[in-house]
Amino acid sequence: MIAGLTTNQVHFQYGRDLETAGANASGPSISMGAVTYGMPNALPRIAEPDEHRTQITDVFSTIHGRHSFKFGGDVNLVHEVMINLFQGGGVYNYSGANTTINFQNWAQDSFRGQSGDTDPSAGYHYTSFVQTVDQLNTGNRAGADDFWMKMFDGFAEDSWKVRSNPHR
């Protein structure tokens, strides 16, 4: 082995992973058994995820006689923001005895308030309505989860050979 050979490697990384998906219709989602339209339950996804990663790695190597020493460490900092309010646009379900009844109930709710409409249940013929509401975040941050992951690691290694030159 060669005595006194020393190297140091430093690696740096900054990366971002931003995944978004917009809705192709406005809320709410309407389900009438065979037909569903409106905003899908899992959309829009403003940030699912929005990840920022900063990573620094350092590895120091040196050779002394029959020993090869390595020391190193890694710092990996990840800032994660996830914004996805499931069923944030609301979901109306019409689940009557058959699709004709579902359609009639939907039509009565959709055209409520028209002149001559005397239906006391106008707007309330659906069988269920679900909407997730985020009390903590509003606007574009509804459904947000914001957190950090801070990871640190290190190592030490001593490799040695019985003879410094195995060819003798």
N, C-alpha and C. Protein backbone atom coordinates (compact mmCIF):
# COMPACT_ATOMS: atom_id res chain seq x y z
N MET A 1 0.83 -1.19 0.00
CA MET A 1 0.00 0.00 0.00
C MET A 1 0.86 1.24 0.00
N ILE A 2 0.33 2.30 -0.50
CA ILE A 2 1.05 3.57 -0.55
C ILE A 2 0.77 4.31 0.75
N ALA A 3 1.79 4.74 1.43
CA ALA A 3 1.63 5.45 2.70
C ALA A 3 1.36 6.92 2.46
N GLY A 4 0.48 7.48 3.27
CA GLY A 4 0.26 8.92 3.26
C GLY A 4 -0.68 9.43 2.18
N LEU A 5 -1.35 8.57 1.41
CA LEU A 5 -2.28 9.02 0.39
C LEU A 5 -3.59 9.44 1.06
N THR A 6 -4.02 10.67 0.81
CA THR A 6 -5.21 11.22 1.48
C THR A 6 -6.13 11.85 0.45
N THR A 7 -7.42 11.57 0.59
CA THR A 7 -8.42 12.21 -0.27
C THR A 7 -9.61 12.65 0.57
N ASN A 8 -10.30 13.66 0.05
CA ASN A 8 -11.53 14.14 0.70
C ASN A 8 -12.54 14.43 -0.41
N GLN A 9 -13.74 13.84 -0.27
CA GLN A 9 -14.80 14.08 -1.25
C GLN A 9 -15.96 14.76 -0.55
N VAL A 10 -16.44 15.83 -1.19
CA VAL A 10 -17.60 16.54 -0.69
C VAL A 10 -18.65 16.56 -1.80
N HIS A 11 -19.87 16.17 -1.46
CA HIS A 11 -20.98 16.18 -2.41
C HIS A 11 -22.07 17.07 -1.85
N PHE A 12 -22.69 17.87 -2.73
CA PHE A 12 -23.78 18.75 -2.33
C PHE A 12 -24.94 18.54 -3.29
N GLN A 13 -26.13 18.55 -2.75
CA GLN A 13 -27.33 18.41 -3.58
C GLN A 13 -28.42 19.35 -3.07
N TYR A 14 -29.05 20.03 -4.00
CA TYR A 14 -30.30 20.73 -3.69
C TYR A 14 -31.31 20.26 -4.72
N GLY A 15 -32.46 19.81 -4.25
CA GLY A 15 -33.47 19.32 -5.18
C GLY A 15 -34.86 19.71 -4.74
N ARG A 16 -35.76 19.71 -5.69
CA ARG A 16 -37.16 20.00 -5.40
C ARG A 16 -38.03 19.02 -6.17
N ASP A 17 -39.04 18.51 -5.49
CA ASP A 17 -40.03 17.63 -6.09
C ASP A 17 -41.38 18.28 -5.86
N LEU A 18 -41.97 18.83 -6.91
CA LEU A 18 -43.29 19.47 -6.81
C LEU A 18 -44.24 18.73 -7.72
N GLU A 19 -45.25 18.11 -7.12
CA GLU A 19 -46.26 17.40 -7.89
C GLU A 19 -47.62 18.06 -7.61
N THR A 20 -48.29 18.46 -8.68
CA THR A 20 -49.59 19.12 -8.54
C THR A 20 -50.57 18.49 -9.53
N ALA A 21 -51.83 18.67 -9.24
CA ALA A 21 -52.88 18.22 -10.16
C ALA A 21 -54.08 19.13 -9.97
N GLY A 22 -54.51 19.75 -11.03
CA GLY A 22 -55.67 20.62 -10.96
C GLY A 22 -56.95 19.85 -11.25
N ALA A 23 -58.04 20.42 -10.84
CA ALA A 23 -59.34 19.81 -11.11
C ALA A 23 -59.85 20.27 -12.47
N ASN A 24 -60.49 19.38 -13.19
CA ASN A 24 -61.03 19.76 -14.49
C ASN A 24 -62.49 20.21 -14.39
N ALA A 25 -63.00 20.29 -13.17
CA ALA A 25 -64.36 20.79 -12.95
C ALA A 25 -64.40 21.41 -11.56
N SER A 26 -65.32 22.32 -11.35
CA SER A 26 -65.43 22.93 -10.03
C SER A 26 -66.23 22.00 -9.12
N GLY A 27 -66.09 22.23 -7.82
CA GLY A 27 -66.83 21.43 -6.83
C GLY A 27 -68.28 21.83 -6.81
N PRO A 28 -69.11 21.01 -6.30
CA PRO A 28 -68.84 19.74 -5.64
C PRO A 28 -68.86 18.59 -6.63
N SER A 29 -68.63 17.39 -6.09
CA SER A 29 -68.79 16.16 -6.86
C SER A 29 -70.22 15.69 -6.68
N ILE A 30 -70.87 15.32 -7.77
CA ILE A 30 -72.26 14.87 -7.73
C ILE A 30 -72.31 13.43 -8.22
N SER A 31 -72.89 12.55 -7.42
CA SER A 31 -73.03 11.15 -7.80
C SER A 31 -74.50 10.78 -7.81
N MET A 32 -74.95 10.28 -8.98
CA MET A 32 -76.34 9.84 -9.12
C MET A 32 -76.38 8.35 -9.44
N GLY A 33 -75.56 7.58 -8.83
CA GLY A 33 -75.51 6.15 -9.10
C GLY A 33 -74.65 5.85 -10.31
N ALA A 34 -75.24 5.83 -11.49
CA ALA A 34 -74.51 5.50 -12.71
C ALA A 34 -73.70 6.67 -13.24
N VAL A 35 -74.05 7.89 -12.88
CA VAL A 35 -73.40 9.09 -13.41
C VAL A 35 -72.78 9.88 -12.26
N THR A 36 -71.52 10.29 -12.46
CA THR A 36 -70.83 11.16 -11.51
C THR A 36 -70.20 12.29 -12.29
N TYR A 37 -70.33 13.51 -11.79
CA TYR A 37 -69.66 14.64 -12.44
C TYR A 37 -69.24 15.63 -11.37
N GLY A 38 -68.45 16.61 -11.77
CA GLY A 38 -67.94 17.61 -10.84
C GLY A 38 -66.50 17.32 -10.47
N MET A 39 -66.01 17.98 -9.43
CA MET A 39 -64.62 17.85 -9.02
C MET A 39 -64.38 16.50 -8.33
N PRO A 40 -63.37 15.72 -8.77
CA PRO A 40 -63.05 14.47 -8.09
C PRO A 40 -62.65 14.72 -6.63
N ASN A 41 -62.88 13.74 -5.78
CA ASN A 41 -62.66 13.89 -4.34
C ASN A 41 -61.24 14.30 -3.96
N ALA A 42 -60.23 13.80 -4.68
CA ALA A 42 -58.85 14.04 -4.30
C ALA A 42 -58.23 15.26 -4.99
N LEU A 43 -59.02 16.04 -5.72
CA LEU A 43 -58.47 17.19 -6.42
C LEU A 43 -59.11 18.47 -5.91
N PRO A 44 -58.47 19.59 -6.01
CA PRO A 44 -57.14 19.78 -6.58
C PRO A 44 -56.05 19.43 -5.58
N ARG A 45 -54.90 19.02 -6.11
CA ARG A 45 -53.72 18.78 -5.29
C ARG A 45 -52.74 19.91 -5.60
N ILE A 46 -52.67 20.86 -4.74
CA ILE A 46 -51.80 22.03 -4.95
C ILE A 46 -50.34 21.65 -4.73
N ALA A 47 -50.10 20.77 -3.76
CA ALA A 47 -48.74 20.29 -3.48
C ALA A 47 -48.86 18.91 -2.85
N GLU A 48 -48.58 17.88 -3.63
CA GLU A 48 -48.67 16.52 -3.11
C GLU A 48 -47.54 15.71 -3.68
N PRO A 49 -46.30 15.91 -3.30
CA PRO A 49 -45.77 16.85 -2.32
C PRO A 49 -45.09 18.05 -2.98
N ASP A 50 -44.65 18.96 -2.14
CA ASP A 50 -43.72 20.03 -2.51
C ASP A 50 -42.54 19.86 -1.57
N GLU A 51 -41.51 19.17 -2.07
CA GLU A 51 -40.38 18.77 -1.22
C GLU A 51 -39.14 19.53 -1.63
N HIS A 52 -38.46 20.12 -0.66
CA HIS A 52 -37.17 20.79 -0.87
C HIS A 52 -36.12 20.03 -0.07
N ARG A 53 -35.07 19.57 -0.75
CA ARG A 53 -34.04 18.76 -0.10
C ARG A 53 -32.68 19.43 -0.27
N THR A 54 -31.96 19.55 0.85
CA THR A 54 -30.58 20.02 0.85
C THR A 54 -29.75 18.93 1.52
N GLN A 55 -28.72 18.46 0.81
CA GLN A 55 -27.92 17.35 1.33
C GLN A 55 -26.45 17.63 1.11
N ILE A 56 -25.66 17.39 2.15
CA ILE A 56 -24.20 17.55 2.08
C ILE A 56 -23.58 16.27 2.62
N THR A 57 -22.64 15.70 1.85
CA THR A 57 -21.94 14.48 2.24
C THR A 57 -20.45 14.74 2.17
N ASP A 58 -19.70 14.28 3.16
CA ASP A 58 -18.25 14.43 3.18
C ASP A 58 -17.63 13.09 3.55
N VAL A 59 -16.66 12.62 2.73
CA VAL A 59 -15.95 11.36 3.00
C VAL A 59 -14.45 11.67 2.93
N PHE A 60 -13.75 11.39 4.03
CA PHE A 60 -12.30 11.60 4.13
C PHE A 60 -11.62 10.23 4.17
N SER A 61 -10.60 10.01 3.32
CA SER A 61 -9.88 8.73 3.25
C SER A 61 -8.39 8.98 3.37
N THR A 62 -7.72 8.11 4.09
CA THR A 62 -6.26 8.20 4.17
C THR A 62 -5.69 6.80 4.36
N ILE A 63 -4.44 6.62 3.89
CA ILE A 63 -3.77 5.34 4.01
C ILE A 63 -2.50 5.53 4.83
N HIS A 64 -2.33 4.67 5.83
CA HIS A 64 -1.13 4.67 6.66
C HIS A 64 -0.68 3.23 6.81
N GLY A 65 0.44 2.92 6.18
CA GLY A 65 0.96 1.55 6.27
C GLY A 65 -0.02 0.55 5.69
N ARG A 66 -0.41 -0.42 6.51
CA ARG A 66 -1.34 -1.45 6.07
C ARG A 66 -2.80 -1.07 6.34
N HIS A 67 -3.04 0.13 6.83
CA HIS A 67 -4.40 0.56 7.19
C HIS A 67 -4.94 1.59 6.19
N SER A 68 -6.19 1.41 5.87
CA SER A 68 -6.91 2.38 5.04
C SER A 68 -8.08 2.89 5.90
N PHE A 69 -8.04 4.15 6.26
CA PHE A 69 -9.06 4.74 7.13
C PHE A 69 -10.03 5.58 6.30
N LYS A 70 -11.29 5.48 6.64
CA LYS A 70 -12.32 6.33 6.02
C LYS A 70 -13.23 6.84 7.12
N PHE A 71 -13.54 8.13 7.02
CA PHE A 71 -14.49 8.77 7.93
C PHE A 71 -15.44 9.60 7.09
N GLY A 72 -16.67 9.61 7.46
CA GLY A 72 -17.59 10.41 6.67
C GLY A 72 -18.88 10.72 7.41
N GLY A 73 -19.64 11.60 6.81
CA GLY A 73 -20.92 11.97 7.38
C GLY A 73 -21.83 12.57 6.33
N ASP A 74 -23.09 12.67 6.71
CA ASP A 74 -24.10 13.14 5.78
C ASP A 74 -25.13 13.96 6.57
N VAL A 75 -25.49 15.10 6.01
CA VAL A 75 -26.58 15.91 6.55
C VAL A 75 -27.62 16.02 5.45
N ASN A 76 -28.85 15.61 5.76
CA ASN A 76 -29.92 15.58 4.77
C ASN A 76 -31.13 16.29 5.37
N LEU A 77 -31.42 17.48 4.88
CA LEU A 77 -32.53 18.29 5.40
C LEU A 77 -33.64 18.33 4.36
N VAL A 78 -34.83 17.92 4.76
CA VAL A 78 -35.97 17.86 3.84
C VAL A 78 -37.11 18.68 4.43
N HIS A 79 -37.58 19.65 3.66
CA HIS A 79 -38.76 20.44 4.04
C HIS A 79 -39.91 19.99 3.14
N GLU A 80 -40.93 19.45 3.75
CA GLU A 80 -42.04 18.84 3.02
C GLU A 80 -43.33 19.63 3.28
N VAL A 81 -44.00 20.00 2.20
CA VAL A 81 -45.31 20.63 2.29
C VAL A 81 -46.26 19.79 1.45
N MET A 82 -47.36 19.38 2.05
CA MET A 82 -48.36 18.61 1.33
C MET A 82 -49.69 19.34 1.46
N ILE A 83 -50.32 19.64 0.34
CA ILE A 83 -51.61 20.35 0.34
C ILE A 83 -52.58 19.55 -0.52
N ASN A 84 -53.49 18.87 0.14
CA ASN A 84 -54.50 18.08 -0.56
C ASN A 84 -55.67 17.89 0.39
N LEU A 85 -56.71 18.67 0.22
CA LEU A 85 -57.89 18.59 1.08
C LEU A 85 -58.89 17.64 0.43
N PHE A 86 -58.89 16.38 0.88
CA PHE A 86 -59.77 15.35 0.32
C PHE A 86 -61.23 15.74 0.56
N GLN A 87 -62.03 15.71 -0.47
CA GLN A 87 -63.45 16.06 -0.46
C GLN A 87 -63.68 17.53 -0.05
N GLY A 88 -62.70 18.38 -0.36
CA GLY A 88 -62.82 19.79 -0.03
C GLY A 88 -63.88 20.52 -0.84
N GLY A 89 -64.20 20.00 -2.03
CA GLY A 89 -65.25 20.61 -2.85
C GLY A 89 -66.63 20.12 -2.49
N GLY A 90 -66.72 19.11 -1.65
CA GLY A 90 -68.00 18.55 -1.25
C GLY A 90 -68.43 17.42 -2.17
N VAL A 91 -69.21 16.49 -1.62
CA VAL A 91 -69.70 15.35 -2.39
C VAL A 91 -71.18 15.17 -2.07
N TYR A 92 -72.02 15.32 -3.08
CA TYR A 92 -73.45 15.04 -2.96
C TYR A 92 -73.71 13.65 -3.52
N ASN A 93 -74.50 12.85 -2.81
CA ASN A 93 -74.89 11.53 -3.30
C ASN A 93 -76.40 11.44 -3.40
N TYR A 94 -76.85 10.94 -4.52
CA TYR A 94 -78.26 10.64 -4.75
C TYR A 94 -78.35 9.13 -4.90
N SER A 95 -78.84 8.45 -3.90
CA SER A 95 -78.87 6.98 -3.94
C SER A 95 -80.28 6.49 -3.64
N GLY A 96 -81.19 6.83 -4.52
CA GLY A 96 -82.57 6.37 -4.38
C GLY A 96 -82.74 4.95 -4.88
N ALA A 97 -83.98 4.53 -5.07
CA ALA A 97 -84.29 3.16 -5.46
C ALA A 97 -83.78 2.83 -6.86
N ASN A 98 -83.74 3.83 -7.77
CA ASN A 98 -83.25 3.57 -9.12
C ASN A 98 -82.71 4.87 -9.72
N THR A 99 -82.10 4.76 -10.89
CA THR A 99 -81.46 5.93 -11.49
C THR A 99 -82.48 7.00 -11.91
N THR A 100 -83.70 6.61 -12.22
CA THR A 100 -84.72 7.60 -12.58
C THR A 100 -85.05 8.48 -11.38
N ILE A 101 -85.23 7.88 -10.22
CA ILE A 101 -85.50 8.65 -9.00
C ILE A 101 -84.30 9.53 -8.66
N ASN A 102 -83.10 8.98 -8.80
CA ASN A 102 -81.89 9.78 -8.54
C ASN A 102 -81.85 11.01 -9.45
N PHE A 103 -82.13 10.82 -10.71
CA PHE A 103 -82.13 11.94 -11.66
C PHE A 103 -83.21 12.96 -11.31
N GLN A 104 -84.41 12.50 -10.96
CA GLN A 104 -85.49 13.42 -10.59
C GLN A 104 -85.11 14.23 -9.35
N ASN A 105 -84.54 13.58 -8.35
CA ASN A 105 -84.10 14.30 -7.13
C ASN A 105 -83.02 15.32 -7.46
N TRP A 106 -82.08 14.92 -8.30
CA TRP A 106 -81.03 15.85 -8.71
C TRP A 106 -81.63 17.05 -9.45
N ALA A 107 -82.55 16.80 -10.37
CA ALA A 107 -83.17 17.88 -11.14
C ALA A 107 -83.93 18.84 -10.22
N GLN A 108 -84.64 18.32 -9.24
CA GLN A 108 -85.36 19.18 -8.30
C GLN A 108 -84.39 20.06 -7.52
N ASP A 109 -83.24 19.51 -7.12
CA ASP A 109 -82.25 20.30 -6.39
C ASP A 109 -81.54 21.29 -7.30
N SER A 110 -81.23 20.87 -8.53
CA SER A 110 -80.48 21.73 -9.45
C SER A 110 -81.28 22.94 -9.91
N PHE A 111 -82.59 22.79 -10.05
CA PHE A 111 -83.42 23.87 -10.57
C PHE A 111 -84.29 24.51 -9.50
N ARG A 112 -83.87 24.37 -8.24
CA ARG A 112 -84.64 24.98 -7.15
C ARG A 112 -84.62 26.49 -7.28
N GLY A 113 -85.64 27.11 -6.77
CA GLY A 113 -85.69 28.57 -6.78
C GLY A 113 -86.21 29.16 -8.07
N GLN A 114 -86.59 28.31 -9.03
CA GLN A 114 -87.16 28.83 -10.27
C GLN A 114 -88.56 29.36 -9.99
N SER A 115 -89.02 30.27 -10.79
CA SER A 115 -90.36 30.82 -10.57
C SER A 115 -91.41 29.71 -10.62
N GLY A 116 -92.31 29.73 -9.68
CA GLY A 116 -93.35 28.71 -9.58
C GLY A 116 -92.92 27.49 -8.78
N ASP A 117 -91.67 27.45 -8.30
CA ASP A 117 -91.19 26.30 -7.52
C ASP A 117 -91.73 26.43 -6.09
N THR A 118 -92.58 25.52 -5.71
CA THR A 118 -93.15 25.55 -4.35
C THR A 118 -92.71 24.35 -3.53
N ASP A 119 -91.70 23.61 -4.01
CA ASP A 119 -91.22 22.42 -3.30
C ASP A 119 -90.54 22.85 -1.99
N PRO A 120 -91.09 22.46 -0.82
CA PRO A 120 -90.48 22.85 0.45
C PRO A 120 -89.14 22.17 0.70
N SER A 121 -88.85 21.07 -0.02
CA SER A 121 -87.58 20.36 0.15
C SER A 121 -86.58 20.72 -0.94
N ALA A 122 -86.83 21.78 -1.69
CA ALA A 122 -85.95 22.15 -2.80
C ALA A 122 -84.51 22.29 -2.31
N GLY A 123 -83.62 21.61 -2.98
CA GLY A 123 -82.20 21.66 -2.61
C GLY A 123 -81.82 20.62 -1.59
N TYR A 124 -82.75 19.77 -1.13
CA TYR A 124 -82.44 18.80 -0.08
C TYR A 124 -82.91 17.39 -0.43
N HIS A 125 -82.88 17.01 -1.70
CA HIS A 125 -83.29 15.68 -2.10
C HIS A 125 -82.13 14.68 -2.13
N TYR A 126 -80.92 15.13 -1.89
CA TYR A 126 -79.77 14.23 -1.88
C TYR A 126 -79.82 13.35 -0.63
N THR A 127 -79.18 12.18 -0.70
CA THR A 127 -79.17 11.28 0.45
C THR A 127 -78.00 11.54 1.39
N SER A 128 -76.91 12.11 0.88
CA SER A 128 -75.80 12.48 1.76
C SER A 128 -74.98 13.59 1.14
N PHE A 129 -74.36 14.37 2.00
CA PHE A 129 -73.42 15.41 1.57
C PHE A 129 -72.25 15.37 2.54
N VAL A 130 -71.05 15.32 1.98
CA VAL A 130 -69.83 15.29 2.79
C VAL A 130 -68.92 16.39 2.27
N GLN A 131 -68.36 17.15 3.19
CA GLN A 131 -67.35 18.15 2.80
C GLN A 131 -66.34 18.26 3.92
N THR A 132 -65.07 18.16 3.56
CA THR A 132 -64.01 18.33 4.53
C THR A 132 -63.69 19.82 4.61
N VAL A 133 -63.59 20.32 5.82
CA VAL A 133 -63.29 21.73 6.04
C VAL A 133 -62.05 21.80 6.92
N ASP A 134 -61.07 22.57 6.51
CA ASP A 134 -59.85 22.76 7.28
C ASP A 134 -60.00 24.03 8.11
N GLN A 135 -60.07 23.87 9.42
CA GLN A 135 -60.26 25.02 10.30
C GLN A 135 -58.97 25.82 10.49
N LEU A 136 -57.81 25.21 10.22
CA LEU A 136 -56.53 25.86 10.50
C LEU A 136 -55.98 26.64 9.32
N ASN A 137 -56.18 26.14 8.13
CA ASN A 137 -55.63 26.77 6.93
C ASN A 137 -56.76 27.21 6.00
N THR A 138 -56.55 28.32 5.37
CA THR A 138 -57.57 28.81 4.43
C THR A 138 -56.92 29.12 3.09
N GLY A 139 -57.74 29.35 2.10
CA GLY A 139 -57.22 29.71 0.78
C GLY A 139 -56.47 28.56 0.15
N ASN A 140 -55.32 28.86 -0.44
CA ASN A 140 -54.52 27.83 -1.11
C ASN A 140 -53.81 26.90 -0.15
N ARG A 141 -53.92 27.12 1.17
CA ARG A 141 -53.24 26.26 2.14
C ARG A 141 -54.22 25.33 2.85
N ALA A 142 -55.47 25.27 2.40
CA ALA A 142 -56.43 24.36 3.02
C ALA A 142 -55.97 22.93 2.83
N GLY A 143 -55.91 22.17 3.91
CA GLY A 143 -55.44 20.79 3.87
C GLY A 143 -53.93 20.67 3.94
N ALA A 144 -53.24 21.73 4.32
CA ALA A 144 -51.77 21.73 4.30
C ALA A 144 -51.18 21.01 5.51
N ASP A 145 -50.10 20.30 5.25
CA ASP A 145 -49.27 19.69 6.27
C ASP A 145 -47.85 20.12 5.95
N ASP A 146 -47.18 20.75 6.89
CA ASP A 146 -45.88 21.37 6.67
C ASP A 146 -44.92 20.84 7.74
N PHE A 147 -43.88 20.12 7.33
CA PHE A 147 -42.97 19.56 8.33
C PHE A 147 -41.56 19.42 7.78
N TRP A 148 -40.61 19.24 8.70
CA TRP A 148 -39.19 19.07 8.39
C TRP A 148 -38.74 17.67 8.79
N MET A 149 -37.83 17.11 8.01
CA MET A 149 -37.11 15.89 8.39
C MET A 149 -35.64 16.26 8.38
N LYS A 150 -34.97 16.06 9.51
CA LYS A 150 -33.55 16.38 9.63
C LYS A 150 -32.80 15.09 9.94
N MET A 151 -32.03 14.62 8.96
CA MET A 151 -31.34 13.34 9.10
C MET A 151 -29.83 13.56 9.10
N PHE A 152 -29.16 12.94 10.07
CA PHE A 152 -27.72 13.05 10.21
C PHE A 152 -27.15 11.64 10.35
N ASP A 153 -26.02 11.39 9.70
CA ASP A 153 -25.38 10.09 9.87
C ASP A 153 -23.89 10.23 9.70
N GLY A 154 -23.17 9.25 10.18
CA GLY A 154 -21.72 9.25 10.07
C GLY A 154 -21.18 7.83 10.12
N PHE A 155 -19.93 7.68 9.74
CA PHE A 155 -19.32 6.36 9.79
C PHE A 155 -17.81 6.50 9.94
N ALA A 156 -17.20 5.42 10.41
CA ALA A 156 -15.74 5.31 10.49
C ALA A 156 -15.39 3.89 10.09
N GLU A 157 -14.33 3.75 9.30
CA GLU A 157 -13.92 2.43 8.80
C GLU A 157 -12.41 2.31 8.84
N ASP A 158 -11.93 1.15 9.27
CA ASP A 158 -10.50 0.83 9.24
C ASP A 158 -10.35 -0.50 8.52
N SER A 159 -9.81 -0.44 7.29
CA SER A 159 -9.52 -1.67 6.54
C SER A 159 -8.02 -1.88 6.62
N TRP A 160 -7.62 -3.12 6.86
CA TRP A 160 -6.19 -3.39 6.92
C TRP A 160 -5.86 -4.72 6.26
N LYS A 161 -4.62 -4.81 5.82
CA LYS A 161 -4.12 -6.03 5.18
C LYS A 161 -3.01 -6.60 6.05
N VAL A 162 -2.89 -7.92 6.03
CA VAL A 162 -1.86 -8.59 6.84
C VAL A 162 -0.47 -8.19 6.33
N ARG A 163 -0.32 -8.14 5.04
CA ARG A 163 0.94 -7.69 4.46
C ARG A 163 0.70 -6.46 3.65
N SER A 164 1.59 -5.51 3.66
CA SER A 164 1.41 -4.27 2.91
C SER A 164 1.52 -4.48 1.41
N ASN A 165 2.27 -5.48 0.94
CA ASN A 165 2.39 -5.79 -0.48
C ASN A 165 2.17 -7.29 -0.64
N PRO A 166 0.97 -7.72 -1.11
CA PRO A 166 0.68 -9.16 -1.19
C PRO A 166 1.44 -9.89 -2.30
N HIS A 167 2.19 -9.20 -3.18
CA HIS A 167 2.88 -9.83 -4.30
C HIS A 167 4.29 -10.30 -3.93
N ARG A 168 4.77 -10.07 -2.75
CA ARG A 168 6.14 -10.47 -2.38
C ARG A 168 6.18 -11.88 -1.92
